């Protein structure tokens, strides 16, 4: 099976931010409003396989994706999730991080155990997939936020 994170058609539809090493995309099945993913452009199945340049650039790119996702969702807090390996819930064998903007009224279970169980169920289901039209509308807004805050993003 081909990697969906290496598929240009899939990525181009959902991409809202990128640099030479990483790409940020909107999640196909968002768990909360503003749920984005970011990953290395180079196919690696583990963060332990990142090269030196990717390791050095990872947190700066993470900061930028978090900033954009929080602006989009109107939130000030977030979860940053990495699932490393199948037993940890990684469903696509391409290293990637989830940014989940959080609000007090987001109706996500407050217990981490409940939250992660529900998250895992949704990740494995095809229910709740966004349509291409819904995705395009969201991605357009995310790209606008990135462009509008380009100077701020460069300082992160």
N, C-alpha and C. Protein backbone atom coordinates (compact mmCIF):
# COMPACT_ATOMS: atom_id res chain seq x y z
N UNK A 1 0.84 -1.19 0.00
CA UNK A 1 0.00 0.00 0.00
C UNK A 1 0.88 1.25 0.00
N UNK A 2 0.57 2.18 -0.84
CA UNK A 2 1.33 3.43 -0.93
C UNK A 2 1.04 4.30 0.30
N UNK A 3 2.01 5.08 0.70
CA UNK A 3 1.87 5.95 1.86
C UNK A 3 1.02 7.18 1.48
N UNK A 4 -0.10 7.41 2.18
CA UNK A 4 -0.93 8.57 1.86
C UNK A 4 -0.22 9.90 2.13
N UNK A 5 0.79 9.89 3.01
CA UNK A 5 1.53 11.12 3.30
C UNK A 5 2.64 11.38 2.29
N UNK A 6 2.83 10.44 1.37
CA UNK A 6 3.77 10.63 0.27
C UNK A 6 3.05 10.82 -1.06
N UNK A 7 1.71 10.81 -1.01
CA UNK A 7 0.87 10.97 -2.19
C UNK A 7 0.61 12.46 -2.43
N UNK A 8 1.19 12.99 -3.49
CA UNK A 8 1.09 14.43 -3.77
C UNK A 8 -0.35 14.91 -3.89
N UNK A 9 -1.22 14.12 -4.49
CA UNK A 9 -2.61 14.53 -4.65
C UNK A 9 -3.27 14.72 -3.29
N UNK A 10 -3.10 13.75 -2.42
CA UNK A 10 -3.65 13.81 -1.06
C UNK A 10 -3.07 14.99 -0.29
N UNK A 11 -1.78 15.13 -0.32
CA UNK A 11 -1.11 16.18 0.44
C UNK A 11 -1.49 17.56 -0.09
N UNK A 12 -1.49 17.75 -1.39
CA UNK A 12 -1.80 19.06 -1.96
C UNK A 12 -3.21 19.53 -1.63
N UNK A 13 -4.15 18.61 -1.51
CA UNK A 13 -5.52 18.97 -1.13
C UNK A 13 -5.57 19.48 0.31
N UNK A 14 -4.76 18.90 1.19
CA UNK A 14 -4.86 19.16 2.63
C UNK A 14 -3.74 20.05 3.18
N UNK A 15 -2.76 20.39 2.37
CA UNK A 15 -1.59 21.14 2.83
C UNK A 15 -1.93 22.60 3.10
N UNK A 16 -1.52 23.09 4.27
CA UNK A 16 -1.73 24.49 4.60
C UNK A 16 -0.42 25.22 4.88
N UNK A 17 0.67 24.48 5.13
CA UNK A 17 1.95 25.12 5.44
C UNK A 17 3.07 24.12 5.15
N UNK A 18 4.20 24.65 4.68
CA UNK A 18 5.34 23.77 4.42
C UNK A 18 6.63 24.56 4.40
N UNK A 19 7.72 23.82 4.54
CA UNK A 19 9.05 24.36 4.28
C UNK A 19 9.81 23.27 3.51
N UNK A 20 11.10 23.36 3.43
CA UNK A 20 11.86 22.37 2.66
C UNK A 20 11.79 20.97 3.25
N UNK A 21 11.61 20.87 4.56
CA UNK A 21 11.70 19.57 5.24
C UNK A 21 10.37 19.00 5.71
N UNK A 22 9.41 19.86 6.01
CA UNK A 22 8.16 19.42 6.64
C UNK A 22 6.94 19.97 5.92
N UNK A 23 5.81 19.32 6.18
CA UNK A 23 4.54 19.78 5.63
C UNK A 23 3.48 19.66 6.72
N UNK A 24 2.57 20.65 6.76
CA UNK A 24 1.43 20.61 7.65
C UNK A 24 0.17 20.41 6.84
N UNK A 25 -0.68 19.49 7.28
CA UNK A 25 -1.93 19.20 6.56
C UNK A 25 -3.10 19.17 7.55
N UNK A 26 -4.31 19.38 7.02
CA UNK A 26 -5.49 19.24 7.86
C UNK A 26 -5.86 17.77 7.93
N UNK A 27 -6.27 17.33 9.11
CA UNK A 27 -6.62 15.93 9.30
C UNK A 27 -7.88 15.56 8.53
N UNK A 28 -7.86 14.42 7.91
CA UNK A 28 -9.01 13.90 7.14
C UNK A 28 -10.22 13.66 8.05
N UNK A 29 -9.96 13.24 9.29
CA UNK A 29 -11.02 13.00 10.28
C UNK A 29 -10.69 13.81 11.54
N UNK A 30 -10.97 15.10 11.52
CA UNK A 30 -10.59 15.92 12.67
C UNK A 30 -11.31 15.50 13.95
N UNK A 31 -10.53 15.37 15.00
CA UNK A 31 -11.05 15.00 16.32
C UNK A 31 -11.64 16.23 17.01
N UNK A 32 -11.03 17.37 16.78
CA UNK A 32 -11.52 18.67 17.27
C UNK A 32 -11.31 19.68 16.15
N UNK A 33 -11.96 20.81 16.26
CA UNK A 33 -11.78 21.87 15.27
C UNK A 33 -10.31 22.30 15.25
N UNK A 34 -9.73 22.35 14.06
CA UNK A 34 -8.34 22.77 13.92
C UNK A 34 -7.33 21.64 14.04
N UNK A 35 -7.78 20.40 14.05
CA UNK A 35 -6.90 19.23 14.20
C UNK A 35 -6.03 19.10 12.94
N UNK A 36 -4.75 19.43 13.10
CA UNK A 36 -3.82 19.35 11.98
C UNK A 36 -2.75 18.30 12.27
N UNK A 37 -2.07 17.93 11.22
CA UNK A 37 -0.92 17.01 11.31
C UNK A 37 0.28 17.70 10.70
N UNK A 38 1.46 17.33 11.16
CA UNK A 38 2.67 17.75 10.45
C UNK A 38 3.64 16.59 10.45
N UNK A 39 4.46 16.57 9.40
CA UNK A 39 5.33 15.41 9.18
C UNK A 39 6.51 15.80 8.31
N UNK A 40 7.57 14.99 8.37
CA UNK A 40 8.66 15.22 7.42
C UNK A 40 8.18 14.90 6.01
N UNK A 41 8.69 15.64 5.04
CA UNK A 41 8.36 15.35 3.64
C UNK A 41 8.99 14.03 3.21
N UNK A 42 10.15 13.78 3.74
CA UNK A 42 10.86 12.53 3.44
C UNK A 42 10.15 11.39 4.18
N UNK A 43 9.94 10.29 3.49
CA UNK A 43 9.26 9.17 4.12
C UNK A 43 10.16 8.49 5.15
N UNK A 44 9.75 8.60 6.41
CA UNK A 44 10.37 7.86 7.50
C UNK A 44 9.24 7.35 8.38
N UNK A 45 9.37 6.15 8.89
CA UNK A 45 8.29 5.59 9.70
C UNK A 45 8.46 5.87 11.19
N UNK A 46 9.56 6.49 11.57
CA UNK A 46 9.85 6.74 12.98
C UNK A 46 10.60 8.06 13.13
N UNK A 47 10.34 8.77 14.22
CA UNK A 47 11.10 10.00 14.45
C UNK A 47 12.58 9.71 14.71
N UNK A 48 12.88 8.47 15.06
CA UNK A 48 14.28 8.09 15.30
C UNK A 48 15.07 7.97 14.00
N UNK A 49 14.36 8.04 12.88
CA UNK A 49 15.02 7.99 11.58
C UNK A 49 15.16 9.36 10.93
N UNK A 50 14.80 10.41 11.66
CA UNK A 50 14.98 11.77 11.13
C UNK A 50 16.47 12.06 11.01
N UNK A 51 16.85 12.77 9.95
CA UNK A 51 18.25 13.15 9.81
C UNK A 51 18.52 14.39 10.68
N UNK A 52 19.77 14.81 10.73
CA UNK A 52 20.15 15.93 11.60
C UNK A 52 19.40 17.21 11.27
N UNK A 53 19.25 17.51 9.98
CA UNK A 53 18.53 18.73 9.58
C UNK A 53 17.07 18.67 10.04
N UNK A 54 16.44 17.52 9.87
CA UNK A 54 15.04 17.36 10.29
C UNK A 54 14.92 17.50 11.81
N UNK A 55 15.84 16.90 12.54
CA UNK A 55 15.80 17.01 14.01
C UNK A 55 15.93 18.47 14.44
N UNK A 56 16.82 19.21 13.79
CA UNK A 56 17.03 20.61 14.15
C UNK A 56 15.82 21.47 13.81
N UNK A 57 15.12 21.15 12.76
CA UNK A 57 13.98 21.96 12.32
C UNK A 57 12.64 21.55 12.87
N UNK A 58 12.57 20.42 13.54
CA UNK A 58 11.29 19.86 13.98
C UNK A 58 10.50 20.79 14.90
N UNK A 59 11.11 21.28 15.97
CA UNK A 59 10.35 22.07 16.93
C UNK A 59 9.94 23.43 16.36
N UNK A 60 10.77 24.01 15.53
CA UNK A 60 10.39 25.27 14.90
C UNK A 60 9.17 25.07 14.01
N UNK A 61 9.16 23.98 13.25
CA UNK A 61 7.99 23.71 12.39
C UNK A 61 6.77 23.39 13.25
N UNK A 62 6.97 22.65 14.33
CA UNK A 62 5.87 22.34 15.25
C UNK A 62 5.26 23.62 15.80
N UNK A 63 6.12 24.56 16.23
CA UNK A 63 5.63 25.84 16.75
C UNK A 63 4.73 26.53 15.74
N UNK A 64 5.13 26.52 14.49
CA UNK A 64 4.38 27.21 13.44
C UNK A 64 3.03 26.54 13.19
N UNK A 65 3.01 25.22 13.16
CA UNK A 65 1.74 24.51 12.94
C UNK A 65 0.81 24.71 14.13
N UNK A 66 1.34 24.67 15.33
CA UNK A 66 0.52 24.92 16.52
C UNK A 66 -0.07 26.32 16.46
N UNK A 67 0.75 27.30 16.15
CA UNK A 67 0.30 28.69 16.05
C UNK A 67 -0.88 28.81 15.08
N UNK A 68 -0.73 28.25 13.89
CA UNK A 68 -1.78 28.33 12.87
C UNK A 68 -3.04 27.60 13.32
N UNK A 69 -2.89 26.41 13.89
CA UNK A 69 -4.05 25.63 14.34
C UNK A 69 -4.80 26.35 15.45
N UNK A 70 -4.06 26.95 16.38
CA UNK A 70 -4.71 27.67 17.48
C UNK A 70 -5.46 28.90 16.97
N UNK A 71 -4.85 29.62 16.05
CA UNK A 71 -5.53 30.78 15.45
C UNK A 71 -6.81 30.33 14.76
N UNK A 72 -6.73 29.25 14.01
CA UNK A 72 -7.89 28.74 13.27
C UNK A 72 -9.03 28.39 14.24
N UNK A 73 -8.69 27.68 15.32
CA UNK A 73 -9.71 27.17 16.24
C UNK A 73 -10.13 28.19 17.29
N UNK A 74 -9.41 29.30 17.38
CA UNK A 74 -9.72 30.26 18.43
C UNK A 74 -9.43 29.69 19.81
N UNK A 75 -8.37 28.91 19.91
CA UNK A 75 -8.01 28.23 21.16
C UNK A 75 -6.66 28.74 21.65
N UNK A 76 -6.36 28.45 22.90
CA UNK A 76 -5.10 28.86 23.50
C UNK A 76 -4.31 27.68 24.07
N UNK A 77 -4.92 26.52 24.07
CA UNK A 77 -4.27 25.33 24.61
C UNK A 77 -4.35 24.22 23.57
N UNK A 78 -3.51 23.20 23.72
CA UNK A 78 -3.48 22.14 22.72
C UNK A 78 -2.85 20.88 23.28
N UNK A 79 -3.12 19.80 22.59
CA UNK A 79 -2.42 18.54 22.79
C UNK A 79 -1.54 18.35 21.57
N UNK A 80 -0.35 17.85 21.79
CA UNK A 80 0.56 17.47 20.71
C UNK A 80 0.80 15.99 20.88
N UNK A 81 0.44 15.22 19.87
CA UNK A 81 0.44 13.76 20.00
C UNK A 81 1.29 13.12 18.92
N UNK A 82 2.17 12.24 19.34
CA UNK A 82 2.95 11.38 18.45
C UNK A 82 2.60 9.95 18.81
N UNK A 83 2.25 9.17 17.82
CA UNK A 83 2.02 7.75 18.01
C UNK A 83 3.16 7.04 17.29
N UNK A 84 4.08 6.50 18.04
CA UNK A 84 5.29 5.88 17.48
C UNK A 84 5.12 4.37 17.47
N UNK A 85 4.74 3.83 16.33
CA UNK A 85 4.56 2.39 16.18
C UNK A 85 3.12 1.94 16.32
N UNK A 86 2.84 0.78 15.78
CA UNK A 86 1.48 0.24 15.76
C UNK A 86 0.87 0.02 17.12
N UNK A 87 1.65 -0.46 18.08
CA UNK A 87 1.08 -0.70 19.42
C UNK A 87 0.76 0.61 20.13
N UNK A 88 1.32 1.71 19.66
CA UNK A 88 1.01 3.03 20.22
C UNK A 88 -0.13 3.70 19.46
N UNK A 89 -0.66 3.02 18.43
CA UNK A 89 -1.80 3.56 17.69
C UNK A 89 -1.46 4.20 16.37
N UNK A 90 -0.18 4.17 15.96
CA UNK A 90 0.19 4.77 14.67
C UNK A 90 -0.48 3.98 13.56
N UNK A 91 -1.34 4.66 12.80
CA UNK A 91 -2.12 3.96 11.77
C UNK A 91 -1.49 4.10 10.38
N UNK A 92 -0.64 5.09 10.19
CA UNK A 92 0.04 5.29 8.91
C UNK A 92 1.54 5.24 9.19
N UNK A 93 2.27 4.35 8.53
CA UNK A 93 3.69 4.20 8.83
C UNK A 93 4.57 5.30 8.23
N UNK A 94 4.23 6.53 8.56
CA UNK A 94 5.02 7.71 8.19
C UNK A 94 4.99 8.57 9.45
N UNK A 95 6.14 8.90 9.99
CA UNK A 95 6.19 9.68 11.23
C UNK A 95 5.36 10.95 11.07
N UNK A 96 4.47 11.20 12.02
CA UNK A 96 3.65 12.40 11.98
C UNK A 96 3.15 12.74 13.38
N UNK A 97 2.88 14.01 13.57
CA UNK A 97 2.39 14.54 14.83
C UNK A 97 1.00 15.11 14.64
N UNK A 98 0.18 14.97 15.67
CA UNK A 98 -1.16 15.56 15.69
C UNK A 98 -1.13 16.79 16.58
N UNK A 99 -1.70 17.88 16.11
CA UNK A 99 -1.91 19.08 16.92
C UNK A 99 -3.43 19.19 17.10
N UNK A 100 -3.86 19.15 18.35
CA UNK A 100 -5.28 19.22 18.65
C UNK A 100 -5.56 20.44 19.53
N UNK A 101 -6.05 21.53 18.92
CA UNK A 101 -6.40 22.69 19.72
C UNK A 101 -7.48 22.32 20.74
N UNK A 102 -7.36 22.83 21.95
CA UNK A 102 -8.30 22.46 23.00
C UNK A 102 -8.97 23.68 23.60
N UNK A 103 -10.23 23.51 23.90
CA UNK A 103 -11.04 24.53 24.59
C UNK A 103 -11.74 23.85 25.74
N UNK A 104 -12.12 24.61 26.75
CA UNK A 104 -12.81 24.02 27.89
C UNK A 104 -14.14 23.41 27.50
N UNK A 105 -14.78 23.92 26.46
CA UNK A 105 -16.09 23.42 26.05
C UNK A 105 -16.02 22.53 24.80
N UNK A 106 -14.86 21.89 24.55
CA UNK A 106 -14.72 21.10 23.32
C UNK A 106 -15.34 19.71 23.39
N UNK A 107 -15.93 19.38 24.50
CA UNK A 107 -16.66 18.11 24.67
C UNK A 107 -15.77 16.87 24.48
N UNK A 108 -14.46 17.04 24.62
CA UNK A 108 -13.55 15.90 24.59
C UNK A 108 -13.42 15.41 26.03
N UNK A 109 -13.47 14.10 26.21
CA UNK A 109 -13.35 13.54 27.56
C UNK A 109 -12.13 14.12 28.26
N UNK A 110 -12.29 14.46 29.52
CA UNK A 110 -11.18 15.07 30.25
C UNK A 110 -10.16 14.05 30.72
N UNK A 111 -10.56 12.83 30.94
CA UNK A 111 -9.61 11.79 31.34
C UNK A 111 -8.77 11.39 30.13
N UNK A 112 -7.46 11.37 30.30
CA UNK A 112 -6.58 11.00 29.18
C UNK A 112 -6.90 9.60 28.68
N UNK A 113 -7.24 8.71 29.57
CA UNK A 113 -7.57 7.34 29.17
C UNK A 113 -8.79 7.34 28.23
N UNK A 114 -9.83 8.05 28.62
CA UNK A 114 -11.04 8.14 27.78
C UNK A 114 -10.73 8.86 26.47
N UNK A 115 -9.99 9.94 26.56
CA UNK A 115 -9.64 10.77 25.41
C UNK A 115 -8.88 9.94 24.38
N UNK A 116 -7.85 9.24 24.83
CA UNK A 116 -7.03 8.46 23.91
C UNK A 116 -7.80 7.28 23.33
N UNK A 117 -8.68 6.68 24.11
CA UNK A 117 -9.50 5.58 23.60
C UNK A 117 -10.41 6.07 22.48
N UNK A 118 -11.08 7.20 22.69
CA UNK A 118 -11.96 7.77 21.66
C UNK A 118 -11.16 8.20 20.44
N UNK A 119 -10.02 8.81 20.66
CA UNK A 119 -9.14 9.24 19.57
C UNK A 119 -8.75 8.02 18.72
N UNK A 120 -8.33 6.94 19.36
CA UNK A 120 -7.94 5.72 18.66
C UNK A 120 -9.06 5.14 17.83
N UNK A 121 -10.28 5.13 18.38
CA UNK A 121 -11.44 4.62 17.64
C UNK A 121 -11.69 5.44 16.38
N UNK A 122 -11.64 6.76 16.52
CA UNK A 122 -11.90 7.63 15.38
C UNK A 122 -10.82 7.52 14.31
N UNK A 123 -9.58 7.33 14.73
CA UNK A 123 -8.48 7.23 13.77
C UNK A 123 -8.61 5.97 12.91
N UNK A 124 -9.18 4.92 13.46
CA UNK A 124 -9.29 3.65 12.74
C UNK A 124 -10.57 3.55 11.91
N UNK A 125 -11.46 4.51 12.08
CA UNK A 125 -12.74 4.48 11.38
C UNK A 125 -12.69 5.41 10.17
N UNK A 126 -13.45 5.07 9.15
CA UNK A 126 -13.55 5.99 8.01
C UNK A 126 -14.76 6.91 8.18
N UNK A 127 -15.52 6.71 9.26
CA UNK A 127 -16.65 7.61 9.54
C UNK A 127 -16.12 8.98 9.89
N UNK A 128 -16.80 9.99 9.48
CA UNK A 128 -16.41 11.34 9.84
C UNK A 128 -15.39 11.97 8.91
N UNK A 129 -15.07 11.28 7.80
CA UNK A 129 -14.14 11.87 6.84
C UNK A 129 -14.75 13.14 6.26
N UNK A 130 -13.92 14.16 6.14
CA UNK A 130 -14.37 15.39 5.50
C UNK A 130 -14.50 15.18 4.00
N UNK A 131 -15.41 15.89 3.38
CA UNK A 131 -15.50 15.88 1.93
C UNK A 131 -14.36 16.75 1.39
N UNK A 132 -14.08 16.61 0.11
CA UNK A 132 -13.07 17.47 -0.51
C UNK A 132 -13.45 18.94 -0.40
N UNK A 133 -14.73 19.24 -0.54
CA UNK A 133 -15.19 20.63 -0.45
C UNK A 133 -14.98 21.18 0.95
N UNK A 134 -15.32 20.39 1.97
CA UNK A 134 -15.09 20.83 3.35
C UNK A 134 -13.61 21.05 3.61
N UNK A 135 -12.81 20.12 3.13
CA UNK A 135 -11.36 20.22 3.32
C UNK A 135 -10.81 21.47 2.64
N UNK A 136 -11.22 21.71 1.41
CA UNK A 136 -10.74 22.89 0.67
C UNK A 136 -11.08 24.18 1.41
N UNK A 137 -12.27 24.27 1.96
CA UNK A 137 -12.69 25.47 2.69
C UNK A 137 -11.82 25.68 3.93
N UNK A 138 -11.58 24.63 4.69
CA UNK A 138 -10.77 24.72 5.90
C UNK A 138 -9.32 25.05 5.56
N UNK A 139 -8.78 24.36 4.57
CA UNK A 139 -7.38 24.58 4.18
C UNK A 139 -7.19 26.00 3.66
N UNK A 140 -8.15 26.52 2.93
CA UNK A 140 -8.07 27.89 2.45
C UNK A 140 -7.94 28.86 3.62
N UNK A 141 -8.72 28.64 4.67
CA UNK A 141 -8.65 29.50 5.86
C UNK A 141 -7.30 29.34 6.57
N UNK A 142 -6.81 28.10 6.70
CA UNK A 142 -5.51 27.86 7.34
C UNK A 142 -4.38 28.54 6.56
N UNK A 143 -4.45 28.47 5.24
CA UNK A 143 -3.43 29.12 4.41
C UNK A 143 -3.49 30.64 4.56
N UNK A 144 -4.70 31.17 4.67
CA UNK A 144 -4.85 32.60 4.88
C UNK A 144 -4.21 33.02 6.20
N UNK A 145 -4.45 32.25 7.25
CA UNK A 145 -3.86 32.54 8.55
C UNK A 145 -2.34 32.51 8.46
N UNK A 146 -1.80 31.50 7.77
CA UNK A 146 -0.35 31.40 7.61
C UNK A 146 0.21 32.62 6.86
N UNK A 147 -0.49 33.03 5.83
CA UNK A 147 -0.04 34.19 5.05
C UNK A 147 -0.17 35.47 5.86
N UNK A 148 -1.28 35.61 6.54
CA UNK A 148 -1.55 36.81 7.34
C UNK A 148 -0.52 36.99 8.47
N UNK A 149 -0.01 35.89 8.98
CA UNK A 149 0.93 35.92 10.11
C UNK A 149 2.34 35.48 9.69
N UNK A 150 2.67 35.63 8.44
CA UNK A 150 3.97 35.16 7.91
C UNK A 150 5.15 35.71 8.68
N UNK A 151 5.12 36.97 9.03
CA UNK A 151 6.25 37.57 9.75
C UNK A 151 6.39 36.95 11.13
N UNK A 152 5.28 36.79 11.83
CA UNK A 152 5.32 36.14 13.14
C UNK A 152 5.82 34.70 13.04
N UNK A 153 5.35 33.98 12.04
CA UNK A 153 5.76 32.58 11.88
C UNK A 153 7.25 32.44 11.65
N UNK A 154 7.83 33.38 10.94
CA UNK A 154 9.26 33.31 10.67
C UNK A 154 10.10 33.49 11.92
N UNK A 155 9.53 34.11 12.96
CA UNK A 155 10.29 34.32 14.19
C UNK A 155 10.17 33.14 15.15
N UNK A 156 9.29 32.21 14.86
CA UNK A 156 9.12 31.05 15.75
C UNK A 156 10.19 30.02 15.50
